[in-house]
Amino acid sequence: MKNENKPVYLKLRDVIAAAILDGDYREGQMLPSVRAFAAQQGANPLTVAKAYQLFQDSGLVDVKRGVGLFVAQGAISKLRRQERDYFLKNIWPDITAQMRRAGLEIADLVKLEN
């Protein structure tokens, strides 16, 4: 699996991004502290801080000194775009190749949902 080779801080970033996209943290809501998230994930606080820094660098969180990190306005749409781009570039090609090998069409998958 492609995710197995990812550094831990990127895996943590993915966990945080998924939580935001899943609605666990809404825009304007505070994220857990570095220590709290590290304890929750069983990770080193420095590694969590590195993951949080990625969110700061990309403008996905607002920093309120002495208070914490808050999900920035527009973060959800920006994360959704990033997820979509990643999926189409890195995941979808493997899926379509596997579908082709299995003789599956998109219509077959749509039928499964109904």
PDB file of N, CA and C in Angstrom:
ATOM      1  N   MET A   1       0.849  -1.179   0.000  1.00  0.00           N
ATOM      2  CA  MET A   1       0.000   0.000   0.000  1.00  0.00           C
ATOM      3  C   MET A   1       0.895   1.244   0.000  1.00  0.00           C
ATOM      4  N   LYS A   2       0.482   2.260  -0.716  1.00  0.00           N
ATOM      5  CA  LYS A   2       1.303   3.459  -0.851  1.00  0.00           C
ATOM      6  C   LYS A   2       1.466   4.207   0.470  1.00  0.00           C
ATOM      7  N   ASN A   3       0.479   4.148   1.351  1.00  0.00           N
ATOM      8  CA  ASN A   3       0.512   4.885   2.611  1.00  0.00           C
ATOM      9  C   ASN A   3       1.553   4.344   3.583  1.00  0.00           C
ATOM     10  N   GLU A   4       1.959   3.073   3.417  1.00  0.00           N
ATOM     11  CA  GLU A   4       2.899   2.449   4.341  1.00  0.00           C
ATOM     12  C   GLU A   4       4.254   3.142   4.344  1.00  0.00           C
ATOM     13  N   ASN A   5       4.652   3.717   3.243  1.00  0.00           N
ATOM     14  CA  ASN A   5       5.959   4.353   3.137  1.00  0.00           C
ATOM     15  C   ASN A   5       5.943   5.828   3.532  1.00  0.00           C
ATOM     16  N   LYS A   6       4.792   6.343   3.892  1.00  0.00           N
ATOM     17  CA  LYS A   6       4.679   7.753   4.270  1.00  0.00           C
ATOM     18  C   LYS A   6       5.322   7.978   5.630  1.00  0.00           C
ATOM     19  N   PRO A   7       6.016   9.111   5.796  1.00  0.00           N
ATOM     20  CA  PRO A   7       6.519   9.465   7.125  1.00  0.00           C
ATOM     21  C   PRO A   7       5.347   9.655   8.096  1.00  0.00           C
ATOM     22  N   VAL A   8       5.606   9.440   9.375  1.00  0.00           N
ATOM     23  CA  VAL A   8       4.559   9.504  10.397  1.00  0.00           C
ATOM     24  C   VAL A   8       3.868  10.867  10.405  1.00  0.00           C
ATOM     25  N   TYR A   9       4.630  11.960  10.252  1.00  0.00           N
ATOM     26  CA  TYR A   9       3.998  13.280  10.304  1.00  0.00           C
ATOM     27  C   TYR A   9       2.999  13.474   9.168  1.00  0.00           C
ATOM     28  N   LEU A  10       3.245  12.849   8.007  1.00  0.00           N
ATOM     29  CA  LEU A  10       2.290  12.937   6.903  1.00  0.00           C
ATOM     30  C   LEU A  10       1.062  12.066   7.167  1.00  0.00           C
ATOM     31  N   LYS A  11       1.266  10.929   7.819  1.00  0.00           N
ATOM     32  CA  LYS A  11       0.123  10.091   8.201  1.00  0.00           C
ATOM     33  C   LYS A  11      -0.754  10.835   9.201  1.00  0.00           C
ATOM     34  N   LEU A  12      -0.115  11.531  10.156  1.00  0.00           N
ATOM     35  CA  LEU A  12      -0.873  12.318  11.124  1.00  0.00           C
ATOM     36  C   LEU A  12      -1.611  13.462  10.439  1.00  0.00           C
ATOM     37  N   ARG A  13      -0.966  14.068   9.469  1.00  0.00           N
ATOM     38  CA  ARG A  13      -1.613  15.130   8.694  1.00  0.00           C
ATOM     39  C   ARG A  13      -2.864  14.595   8.024  1.00  0.00           C
ATOM     40  N   ASP A  14      -2.785  13.381   7.487  1.00  0.00           N
ATOM     41  CA  ASP A  14      -3.939  12.758   6.839  1.00  0.00           C
ATOM     42  C   ASP A  14      -5.068  12.495   7.838  1.00  0.00           C
ATOM     43  N   VAL A  15      -4.711  12.102   9.058  1.00  0.00           N
ATOM     44  CA  VAL A  15      -5.710  11.856  10.103  1.00  0.00           C
ATOM     45  C   VAL A  15      -6.442  13.152  10.439  1.00  0.00           C
ATOM     46  N   ILE A  16      -5.687  14.230  10.585  1.00  0.00           N
ATOM     47  CA  ILE A  16      -6.269  15.532  10.908  1.00  0.00           C
ATOM     48  C   ILE A  16      -7.153  16.010   9.750  1.00  0.00           C
ATOM     49  N   ALA A  17      -6.647  15.891   8.536  1.00  0.00           N
ATOM     50  CA  ALA A  17      -7.417  16.322   7.355  1.00  0.00           C
ATOM     51  C   ALA A  17      -8.726  15.544   7.262  1.00  0.00           C
ATOM     52  N   ALA A  18      -8.659  14.236   7.486  1.00  0.00           N
ATOM     53  CA  ALA A  18      -9.869  13.411   7.431  1.00  0.00           C
ATOM     54  C   ALA A  18     -10.863  13.843   8.511  1.00  0.00           C
ATOM     55  N   ALA A  19     -10.361  14.154   9.698  1.00  0.00           N
ATOM     56  CA  ALA A  19     -11.245  14.596  10.786  1.00  0.00           C
ATOM     57  C   ALA A  19     -11.937  15.908  10.427  1.00  0.00           C
ATOM     58  N   ILE A  20     -11.211  16.798   9.773  1.00  0.00           N
ATOM     59  CA  ILE A  20     -11.817  18.068   9.350  1.00  0.00           C
ATOM     60  C   ILE A  20     -12.869  17.804   8.275  1.00  0.00           C
ATOM     61  N   LEU A  21     -12.524  16.989   7.293  1.00  0.00           N
ATOM     62  CA  LEU A  21     -13.459  16.701   6.203  1.00  0.00           C
ATOM     63  C   LEU A  21     -14.669  15.900   6.681  1.00  0.00           C
ATOM     64  N   ASP A  22     -14.479  15.080   7.696  1.00  0.00           N
ATOM     65  CA  ASP A  22     -15.579  14.281   8.239  1.00  0.00           C
ATOM     66  C   ASP A  22     -16.475  15.087   9.174  1.00  0.00           C
ATOM     67  N   GLY A  23     -16.081  16.330   9.458  1.00  0.00           N
ATOM     68  CA  GLY A  23     -16.906  17.187  10.293  1.00  0.00           C
ATOM     69  C   GLY A  23     -16.597  17.126  11.777  1.00  0.00           C
ATOM     70  N   ASP A  24     -15.536  16.416  12.148  1.00  0.00           N
ATOM     71  CA  ASP A  24     -15.153  16.369  13.569  1.00  0.00           C
ATOM     72  C   ASP A  24     -14.682  17.732  14.056  1.00  0.00           C
ATOM     73  N   TYR A  25     -14.058  18.489  13.158  1.00  0.00           N
ATOM     74  CA  TYR A  25     -13.612  19.859  13.451  1.00  0.00           C
ATOM     75  C   TYR A  25     -14.136  20.758  12.342  1.00  0.00           C
ATOM     76  N   ARG A  26     -14.990  21.684  12.709  1.00  0.00           N
ATOM     77  CA  ARG A  26     -15.568  22.606  11.732  1.00  0.00           C
ATOM     78  C   ARG A  26     -14.698  23.848  11.606  1.00  0.00           C
ATOM     79  N   GLU A  27     -14.933  24.610  10.546  1.00  0.00           N
ATOM     80  CA  GLU A  27     -14.205  25.858  10.357  1.00  0.00           C
ATOM     81  C   GLU A  27     -14.477  26.768  11.548  1.00  0.00           C
ATOM     82  N   GLY A  28     -13.401  27.325  12.105  1.00  0.00           N
ATOM     83  CA  GLY A  28     -13.501  28.171  13.284  1.00  0.00           C
ATOM     84  C   GLY A  28     -13.361  27.414  14.594  1.00  0.00           C
ATOM     85  N   GLN A  29     -13.373  26.091  14.525  1.00  0.00           N
ATOM     86  CA  GLN A  29     -13.263  25.281  15.731  1.00  0.00           C
ATOM     87  C   GLN A  29     -11.794  24.989  16.046  1.00  0.00           C
ATOM     88  N   MET A  30     -11.492  24.897  17.335  1.00  0.00           N
ATOM     89  CA  MET A  30     -10.124  24.651  17.774  1.00  0.00           C
ATOM     90  C   MET A  30      -9.747  23.176  17.602  1.00  0.00           C
ATOM     91  N   LEU A  31      -8.533  22.953  17.121  1.00  0.00           N
ATOM     92  CA  LEU A  31      -7.975  21.602  17.042  1.00  0.00           C
ATOM     93  C   LEU A  31      -7.427  21.224  18.409  1.00  0.00           C
ATOM     94  N   PRO A  32      -7.252  19.924  18.666  1.00  0.00           N
ATOM     95  CA  PRO A  32      -6.646  19.514  19.937  1.00  0.00           C
ATOM     96  C   PRO A  32      -5.223  20.076  20.038  1.00  0.00           C
ATOM     97  N   SER A  33      -4.772  20.266  21.256  1.00  0.00           N
ATOM     98  CA  SER A  33      -3.391  20.718  21.447  1.00  0.00           C
ATOM     99  C   SER A  33      -2.435  19.661  20.910  1.00  0.00           C
ATOM    100  N   VAL A  34      -1.214  20.069  20.668  1.00  0.00           N
ATOM    101  CA  VAL A  34      -0.196  19.131  20.181  1.00  0.00           C
ATOM    102  C   VAL A  34      -0.067  17.955  21.145  1.00  0.00           C
ATOM    103  N   ARG A  35       0.012  18.242  22.431  1.00  0.00           N
ATOM    104  CA  ARG A  35       0.174  17.168  23.431  1.00  0.00           C
ATOM    105  C   ARG A  35      -1.034  16.247  23.474  1.00  0.00           C
ATOM    106  N   ALA A  36      -2.227  16.836  23.430  1.00  0.00           N
ATOM    107  CA  ALA A  36      -3.443  16.020  23.484  1.00  0.00           C
ATOM    108  C   ALA A  36      -3.548  15.115  22.259  1.00  0.00           C
ATOM    109  N   PHE A  37      -3.275  15.677  21.075  1.00  0.00           N
ATOM    110  CA  PHE A  37      -3.358  14.874  19.855  1.00  0.00           C
ATOM    111  C   PHE A  37      -2.272  13.797  19.836  1.00  0.00           C
ATOM    112  N   ALA A  38      -1.086  14.143  20.324  1.00  0.00           N
ATOM    113  CA  ALA A  38       0.006  13.169  20.385  1.00  0.00           C
ATOM    114  C   ALA A  38      -0.383  12.004  21.287  1.00  0.00           C
ATOM    115  N   ALA A  39      -0.970  12.315  22.434  1.00  0.00           N
ATOM    116  CA  ALA A  39      -1.390  11.257  23.361  1.00  0.00           C
ATOM    117  C   ALA A  39      -2.481  10.390  22.725  1.00  0.00           C
ATOM    118  N   GLN A  40      -3.415  11.031  22.062  1.00  0.00           N
ATOM    119  CA  GLN A  40      -4.519  10.321  21.422  1.00  0.00           C
ATOM    120  C   GLN A  40      -4.017   9.373  20.333  1.00  0.00           C
ATOM    121  N   GLN A  41      -3.003   9.806  19.591  1.00  0.00           N
ATOM    122  CA  GLN A  41      -2.489   9.026  18.465  1.00  0.00           C
ATOM    123  C   GLN A  41      -1.308   8.132  18.839  1.00  0.00           C
ATOM    124  N   GLY A  42      -0.802   8.275  20.057  1.00  0.00           N
ATOM    125  CA  GLY A  42       0.384   7.512  20.455  1.00  0.00           C
ATOM    126  C   GLY A  42       1.614   7.952  19.692  1.00  0.00           C
ATOM    127  N   ALA A  43       1.703   9.251  19.451  1.00  0.00           N
ATOM    128  CA  ALA A  43       2.798   9.800  18.639  1.00  0.00           C
ATOM    129  C   ALA A  43       3.647  10.751  19.469  1.00  0.00           C
ATOM    130  N   ASN A  44       4.808  11.046  18.963  1.00  0.00           N
ATOM    131  CA  ASN A  44       5.705  12.012  19.582  1.00  0.00           C
ATOM    132  C   ASN A  44       5.145  13.418  19.356  1.00  0.00           C
ATOM    133  N   PRO A  45       5.095  14.263  20.388  1.00  0.00           N
ATOM    134  CA  PRO A  45       4.586  15.625  20.211  1.00  0.00           C
ATOM    135  C   PRO A  45       5.330  16.425  19.134  1.00  0.00           C
ATOM    136  N   LEU A  46       6.622  16.188  18.966  1.00  0.00           N
ATOM    137  CA  LEU A  46       7.367  16.901  17.926  1.00  0.00           C
ATOM    138  C   LEU A  46       6.887  16.504  16.529  1.00  0.00           C
ATOM    139  N   THR A  47       6.503  15.255  16.384  1.00  0.00           N
ATOM    140  CA  THR A  47       5.981  14.779  15.099  1.00  0.00           C
ATOM    141  C   THR A  47       4.616  15.404  14.822  1.00  0.00           C
ATOM    142  N   VAL A  48       3.791  15.500  15.860  1.00  0.00           N
ATOM    143  CA  VAL A  48       2.489  16.156  15.717  1.00  0.00           C
ATOM    144  C   VAL A  48       2.684  17.628  15.375  1.00  0.00           C
ATOM    145  N   ALA A  49       3.635  18.272  16.042  1.00  0.00           N
ATOM    146  CA  ALA A  49       3.912  19.685  15.767  1.00  0.00           C
ATOM    147  C   ALA A  49       4.313  19.874  14.308  1.00  0.00           C
ATOM    148  N   LYS A  50       5.059  18.925  13.758  1.00  0.00           N
ATOM    149  CA  LYS A  50       5.456  19.004  12.351  1.00  0.00           C
ATOM    150  C   LYS A  50       4.231  18.860  11.441  1.00  0.00           C
ATOM    151  N   ALA A  51       3.315  17.971  11.792  1.00  0.00           N
ATOM    152  CA  ALA A  51       2.085  17.809  11.013  1.00  0.00           C
ATOM    153  C   ALA A  51       1.243  19.083  11.083  1.00  0.00           C
ATOM    154  N   TYR A  52       1.110  19.649  12.284  1.00  0.00           N
ATOM    155  CA  TYR A  52       0.353  20.890  12.448  1.00  0.00           C
ATOM    156  C   TYR A  52       0.994  22.037  11.670  1.00  0.00           C
ATOM    157  N   GLN A  53       2.325  22.033  11.600  1.00  0.00           N
ATOM    158  CA  GLN A  53       3.029  23.086  10.863  1.00  0.00           C
ATOM    159  C   GLN A  53       2.645  23.066   9.380  1.00  0.00           C
ATOM    160  N   LEU A  54       2.419  21.869   8.840  1.00  0.00           N
ATOM    161  CA  LEU A  54       1.982  21.768   7.439  1.00  0.00           C
ATOM    162  C   LEU A  54       0.652  22.486   7.234  1.00  0.00           C
ATOM    163  N   PHE A  55      -0.238  22.365   8.224  1.00  0.00           N
ATOM    164  CA  PHE A  55      -1.528  23.044   8.132  1.00  0.00           C
ATOM    165  C   PHE A  55      -1.352  24.559   8.229  1.00  0.00           C
ATOM    166  N   GLN A  56      -0.449  24.984   9.083  1.00  0.00           N
ATOM    167  CA  GLN A  56      -0.167  26.418   9.193  1.00  0.00           C
ATOM    168  C   GLN A  56       0.416  26.952   7.886  1.00  0.00           C
ATOM    169  N   ASP A  57       1.402  26.249   7.357  1.00  0.00           N
ATOM    170  CA  ASP A  57       2.084  26.688   6.136  1.00  0.00           C
ATOM    171  C   ASP A  57       1.133  26.798   4.949  1.00  0.00           C
ATOM    172  N   SER A  58       0.110  25.959   4.918  1.00  0.00           N
ATOM    173  CA  SER A  58      -0.817  25.990   3.789  1.00  0.00           C
ATOM    174  C   SER A  58      -2.075  26.809   4.085  1.00  0.00           C
ATOM    175  N   GLY A  59      -2.094  27.493   5.219  1.00  0.00           N
ATOM    176  CA  GLY A  59      -3.211  28.383   5.535  1.00  0.00           C
ATOM    177  C   GLY A  59      -4.495  27.683   5.910  1.00  0.00           C
ATOM    178  N   LEU A  60      -4.394  26.431   6.324  1.00  0.00           N
ATOM    179  CA  LEU A  60      -5.588  25.673   6.687  1.00  0.00           C
ATOM    180  C   LEU A  60      -6.013  25.893   8.135  1.00  0.00           C
ATOM    181  N   VAL A  61      -5.114  26.456   8.932  1.00  0.00           N
ATOM    182  CA  VAL A  61      -5.440  26.760  10.323  1.00  0.00           C
ATOM    183  C   VAL A  61      -5.013  28.184  10.644  1.00  0.00           C
ATOM    184  N   ASP A  62      -5.707  28.763  11.600  1.00  0.00           N
ATOM    185  CA  ASP A  62      -5.345  30.064  12.130  1.00  0.00           C
ATOM    186  C   ASP A  62      -4.748  29.848  13.512  1.00  0.00           C
ATOM    187  N   VAL A  63      -3.657  30.544  13.788  1.00  0.00           N
ATOM    188  CA  VAL A  63      -2.996  30.426  15.086  1.00  0.00           C
ATOM    189  C   VAL A  63      -3.413  31.604  15.958  1.00  0.00           C
ATOM    190  N   LYS A  64      -3.889  31.278  17.137  1.00  0.00           N
ATOM    191  CA  LYS A  64      -4.160  32.309  18.137  1.00  0.00           C
ATOM    192  C   LYS A  64      -3.172  32.054  19.263  1.00  0.00           C
ATOM    193  N   ARG A  65      -2.133  32.889  19.309  1.00  0.00           N
ATOM    194  CA  ARG A  65      -1.052  32.721  20.278  1.00  0.00           C
ATOM    195  C   ARG A  65      -1.598  32.567  21.695  1.00  0.00           C
ATOM    196  N   GLY A  66      -1.103  31.544  22.363  1.00  0.00           N
ATOM    197  CA  GLY A  66      -1.509  31.299  23.734  1.00  0.00           C
ATOM    198  C   GLY A  66      -2.854  30.612  23.872  1.00  0.00           C
ATOM    199  N   VAL A  67      -3.550  30.441  22.738  1.00  0.00           N
ATOM    200  CA  VAL A  67      -4.869  29.805  22.781  1.00  0.00           C
ATOM    201  C   VAL A  67      -4.835  28.464  22.057  1.00  0.00           C
ATOM    202  N   GLY A  68      -4.434  28.478  20.779  1.00  0.00           N
ATOM    203  CA  GLY A  68      -4.374  27.235  20.020  1.00  0.00           C
ATOM    204  C   GLY A  68      -4.536  27.447  18.531  1.00  0.00           C
ATOM    205  N   LEU A  69      -4.747  26.342  17.840  1.00  0.00           N
ATOM    206  CA  LEU A  69      -4.934  26.331  16.397  1.00  0.00           C
ATOM    207  C   LEU A  69      -6.413  26.137  16.087  1.00  0.00           C
ATOM    208  N   PHE A  70      -6.902  26.914  15.136  1.00  0.00           N
ATOM    209  CA  PHE A  70      -8.298  26.847  14.753  1.00  0.00           C
ATOM    210  C   PHE A  70      -8.401  26.576  13.259  1.00  0.00           C
ATOM    211  N   VAL A  71      -9.370  25.761  12.858  1.00  0.00           N
ATOM    212  CA  VAL A  71      -9.580  25.468  11.445  1.00  0.00           C
ATOM    213  C   VAL A  71      -9.977  26.775  10.749  1.00  0.00           C
ATOM    214  N   ALA A  72      -9.229  27.133   9.727  1.00  0.00           N
ATOM    215  CA  ALA A  72      -9.435  28.395   9.015  1.00  0.00           C
ATOM    216  C   ALA A  72     -10.684  28.346   8.139  1.00  0.00           C
ATOM    217  N   GLN A  73     -11.260  29.511   7.891  1.00  0.00           N
ATOM    218  CA  GLN A  73     -12.375  29.609   6.944  1.00  0.00           C
ATOM    219  C   GLN A  73     -11.855  29.200   5.559  1.00  0.00           C
ATOM    220  N   GLY A  74     -12.617  28.390   4.871  1.00  0.00           N
ATOM    221  CA  GLY A  74     -12.226  27.918   3.543  1.00  0.00           C
ATOM    222  C   GLY A  74     -11.353  26.680   3.570  1.00  0.00           C
ATOM    223  N   ALA A  75     -10.984  26.206   4.760  1.00  0.00           N
ATOM    224  CA  ALA A  75     -10.101  25.040   4.858  1.00  0.00           C
ATOM    225  C   ALA A  75     -10.747  23.786   4.291  1.00  0.00           C
ATOM    226  N   ILE A  76     -12.045  23.627   4.520  1.00  0.00           N
ATOM    227  CA  ILE A  76     -12.713  22.411   4.055  1.00  0.00           C
ATOM    228  C   ILE A  76     -12.704  22.322   2.538  1.00  0.00           C
ATOM    229  N   SER A  77     -13.035  23.406   1.858  1.00  0.00           N
ATOM    230  CA  SER A  77     -13.031  23.352   0.388  1.00  0.00           C
ATOM    231  C   SER A  77     -11.613  23.159  -0.150  1.00  0.00           C
ATOM    232  N   LYS A  78     -10.635  23.774   0.503  1.00  0.00           N
ATOM    233  CA  LYS A  78      -9.242  23.612   0.068  1.00  0.00           C
ATOM    234  C   LYS A  78      -8.776  22.162   0.286  1.00  0.00           C
ATOM    235  N   LEU A  79      -9.102  21.588   1.435  1.00  0.00           N
ATOM    236  CA  LEU A  79      -8.743  20.192   1.704  1.00  0.00           C
ATOM    237  C   LEU A  79      -9.455  19.255   0.735  1.00  0.00           C
ATOM    238  N   ARG A  80     -10.718  19.531   0.466  1.00  0.00           N
ATOM    239  CA  ARG A  80     -11.480  18.684  -0.458  1.00  0.00           C
ATOM    240  C   ARG A  80     -10.841  18.703  -1.845  1.00  0.00           C
ATOM    241  N   ARG A  81     -10.400  19.881  -2.300  1.00  0.00           N
ATOM    242  CA  ARG A  81      -9.703  19.996  -3.594  1.00  0.00           C
ATOM    243  C   ARG A  81      -8.412  19.184  -3.580  1.00  0.00           C
ATOM    244  N   GLN A  82      -7.651  19.300  -2.481  1.00  0.00           N
ATOM    245  CA  GLN A  82      -6.401  18.552  -2.368  1.00  0.00           C
ATOM    246  C   GLN A  82      -6.659  17.044  -2.389  1.00  0.00           C
ATOM    247  N   GLU A  83      -7.679  16.614  -1.651  1.00  0.00           N
ATOM    248  CA  GLU A  83      -8.025  15.187  -1.608  1.00  0.00           C
ATOM    249  C   GLU A  83      -8.443  14.690  -2.988  1.00  0.00           C
ATOM    250  N   ARG A  84      -9.257  15.491  -3.679  1.00  0.00           N
ATOM    251  CA  ARG A  84      -9.721  15.121  -5.017  1.00  0.00           C
ATOM    252  C   ARG A  84      -8.534  14.996  -5.975  1.00  0.00           C
ATOM    253  N   ASP A  85      -7.642  15.998  -5.951  1.00  0.00           N
ATOM    254  CA  ASP A  85      -6.474  15.973  -6.835  1.00  0.00           C
ATOM    255  C   ASP A  85      -5.583  14.765  -6.537  1.00  0.00           C
ATOM    256  N   TYR A  86      -5.359  14.501  -5.244  1.00  0.00           N
ATOM    257  CA  TYR A  86      -4.536  13.352  -4.856  1.00  0.00           C
ATOM    258  C   TYR A  86      -5.168  12.048  -5.337  1.00  0.00           C
ATOM    259  N   PHE A  87      -6.474  11.924  -5.120  1.00  0.00           N
ATOM    260  CA  PHE A  87      -7.184  10.711  -5.522  1.00  0.00           C
ATOM    261  C   PHE A  87      -7.064  10.477  -7.022  1.00  0.00           C
ATOM    262  N   LEU A  88      -7.334  11.532  -7.807  1.00  0.00           N
ATOM    263  CA  LEU A  88      -7.304  11.376  -9.255  1.00  0.00           C
ATOM    264  C   LEU A  88      -5.909  11.093  -9.795  1.00  0.00           C
ATOM    265  N   LYS A  89      -4.903  11.634  -9.140  1.00  0.00           N
ATOM    266  CA  LYS A  89      -3.528  11.459  -9.616  1.00  0.00           C
ATOM    267  C   LYS A  89      -2.883  10.166  -9.103  1.00  0.00           C
ATOM    268  N   ASN A  90      -3.160   9.797  -7.854  1.00  0.00           N
ATOM    269  CA  ASN A  90      -2.419   8.706  -7.232  1.00  0.00           C
ATOM    270  C   ASN A  90      -3.204   7.429  -6.951  1.00  0.00           C
ATOM    271  N   ILE A  91      -4.509   7.513  -6.860  1.00  0.00           N
ATOM    272  CA  ILE A  91      -5.298   6.335  -6.505  1.00  0.00           C
ATOM    273  C   ILE A  91      -6.128   5.834  -7.681  1.00  0.00           C
ATOM    274  N   TRP A  92      -6.808   6.748  -8.349  1.00  0.00           N
ATOM    275  CA  TRP A  92      -7.688   6.363  -9.442  1.00  0.00           C
ATOM    276  C   TRP A  92      -7.000   5.566 -10.552  1.00  0.00           C
ATOM    277  N   PRO A  93      -5.787   5.903 -10.966  1.00  0.00           N
ATOM    278  CA  PRO A  93      -5.158   5.094 -12.031  1.00  0.00           C
ATOM    279  C   PRO A  93      -5.034   3.607 -11.660  1.00  0.00           C
ATOM    280  N   ASP A  94      -4.692   3.310 -10.408  1.00  0.00           N
ATOM    281  CA  ASP A  94      -4.601   1.913  -9.980  1.00  0.00           C
ATOM    282  C   ASP A  94      -5.976   1.249  -9.966  1.00  0.00           C
ATOM    283  N   ILE A  95      -6.985   2.005  -9.538  1.00  0.00           N
ATOM    284  CA  ILE A  95      -8.345   1.468  -9.501  1.00  0.00           C
ATOM    285  C   ILE A  95      -8.833   1.160 -10.919  1.00  0.00           C
ATOM    286  N   THR A  96      -8.612   2.089 -11.836  1.00  0.00           N
ATOM    287  CA  THR A  96      -9.078   1.851 -13.209  1.00  0.00           C
ATOM    288  C   THR A  96      -8.341   0.677 -13.842  1.00  0.00           C
ATOM    289  N   ALA A  97      -7.071   0.520 -13.535  1.00  0.00           N
ATOM    290  CA  ALA A  97      -6.319  -0.629 -14.070  1.00  0.00           C
ATOM    291  C   ALA A  97      -6.893  -1.929 -13.515  1.00  0.00           C
ATOM    292  N   GLN A  98      -7.199  -1.939 -12.232  1.00  0.00           N
ATOM    293  CA  GLN A  98      -7.766  -3.144 -11.617  1.00  0.00           C
ATOM    294  C   GLN A  98      -9.167  -3.421 -12.176  1.00  0.00           C
ATOM    295  N   MET A  99      -9.947  -2.370 -12.377  1.00  0.00           N
ATOM    296  CA  MET A  99     -11.279  -2.538 -12.971  1.00  0.00           C
ATOM    297  C   MET A  99     -11.167  -3.116 -14.376  1.00  0.00           C
ATOM    298  N   ARG A 100     -10.209  -2.598 -15.143  1.00  0.00           N
ATOM    299  CA  ARG A 100     -10.013  -3.092 -16.512  1.00  0.00           C
ATOM    300  C   ARG A 100      -9.655  -4.586 -16.485  1.00  0.00           C
ATOM    301  N   ARG A 101      -8.752  -4.971 -15.577  1.00  0.00           N
ATOM    302  CA  ARG A 101      -8.356  -6.377 -15.480  1.00  0.00           C
ATOM    303  C   ARG A 101      -9.532  -7.263 -15.079  1.00  0.00           C
ATOM    304  N   ALA A 102     -10.425  -6.734 -14.234  1.00  0.00           N
ATOM    305  CA  ALA A 102     -11.577  -7.505 -13.760  1.00  0.00           C
ATOM    306  C   ALA A 102     -12.773  -7.426 -14.710  1.00  0.00           C
ATOM    307  N   GLY A 103     -12.659  -6.597 -15.731  1.00  0.00           N
ATOM    308  CA  GLY A 103     -13.758  -6.446 -16.676  1.00  0.00           C
ATOM    309  C   GLY A 103     -14.923  -5.657 -16.101  1.00  0.00           C
ATOM    310  N   LEU A 104     -14.650  -4.766 -15.159  1.00  0.00           N
ATOM    311  CA  LEU A 104     -15.691  -3.945 -14.543  1.00  0.00           C
ATOM    312  C   LEU A 104     -15.839  -2.614 -15.256  1.00  0.00           C
ATOM    313  N   GLU A 105     -17.051  -2.136 -15.294  1.00  0.00           N
ATOM    314  CA  GLU A 105     -17.360  -0.813 -15.834  1.00  0.00           C
ATOM    315  C   GLU A 105     -17.927   0.034 -14.695  1.00  0.00           C
ATOM    316  N   ILE A 106     -17.908   1.350 -14.867  1.00  0.00           N
ATOM    317  CA  ILE A 106     -18.469   2.263 -13.864  1.00  0.00           C
ATOM    318  C   ILE A 106     -19.929   1.900 -13.578  1.00  0.00           C
ATOM    319  N   ALA A 107     -20.676   1.534 -14.607  1.00  0.00           N
ATOM    320  CA  ALA A 107     -22.095   1.181 -14.440  1.00  0.00           C
ATOM    321  C   ALA A 107     -22.245   0.007 -13.468  1.00  0.00           C
ATOM    322  N   ASP A 108     -21.304  -0.940 -13.490  1.00  0.00           N
ATOM    323  CA  ASP A 108     -21.356  -2.079 -12.572  1.00  0.00           C
ATOM    324  C   ASP A 108     -21.255  -1.600 -11.124  1.00  0.00           C
ATOM    325  N   LEU A 109     -20.410  -0.609 -10.885  1.00  0.00           N
ATOM    326  CA  LEU A 109     -20.232  -0.082  -9.531  1.00  0.00           C
ATOM    327  C   LEU A 109     -21.470   0.703  -9.075  1.00  0.00           C
ATOM    328  N   VAL A 110     -22.067   1.432 -10.017  1.00  0.00           N
ATOM    329  CA  VAL A 110     -23.273   2.198  -9.692  1.00  0.00           C
ATOM    330  C   VAL A 110     -24.402   1.253  -9.305  1.00  0.00           C
ATOM    331  N   LYS A 111     -24.503   0.121  -9.998  1.00  0.00           N
ATOM    332  CA  LYS A 111     -25.542  -0.871  -9.671  1.00  0.00           C
ATOM    333  C   LYS A 111     -25.381  -1.398  -8.247  1.00  0.00           C
ATOM    334  N   LEU A 112     -24.141  -1.515  -7.782  1.00  0.00           N
ATOM    335  CA  LEU A 112     -23.890  -2.035  -6.434  1.00  0.00           C
ATOM    336  C   LEU A 112     -24.422  -1.099  -5.353  1.00  0.00           C
ATOM    337  N   GLU A 113     -24.473   0.196  -5.636  1.00  0.00           N
ATOM    338  CA  GLU A 113     -24.952   1.168  -4.657  1.00  0.00           C
ATOM    339  C   GLU A 113     -26.456   1.087  -4.484  1.00  0.00           C
ATOM    340  N   ASN A 114     -27.171   0.612  -5.488  1.00  0.00           N
ATOM    341  CA  ASN A 114     -28.649   0.589  -5.438  1.00  0.00           C
ATOM    342  C   ASN A 114     -29.171  -0.678  -4.889  1.00  0.00           C
TER     343      ASN A 114
END
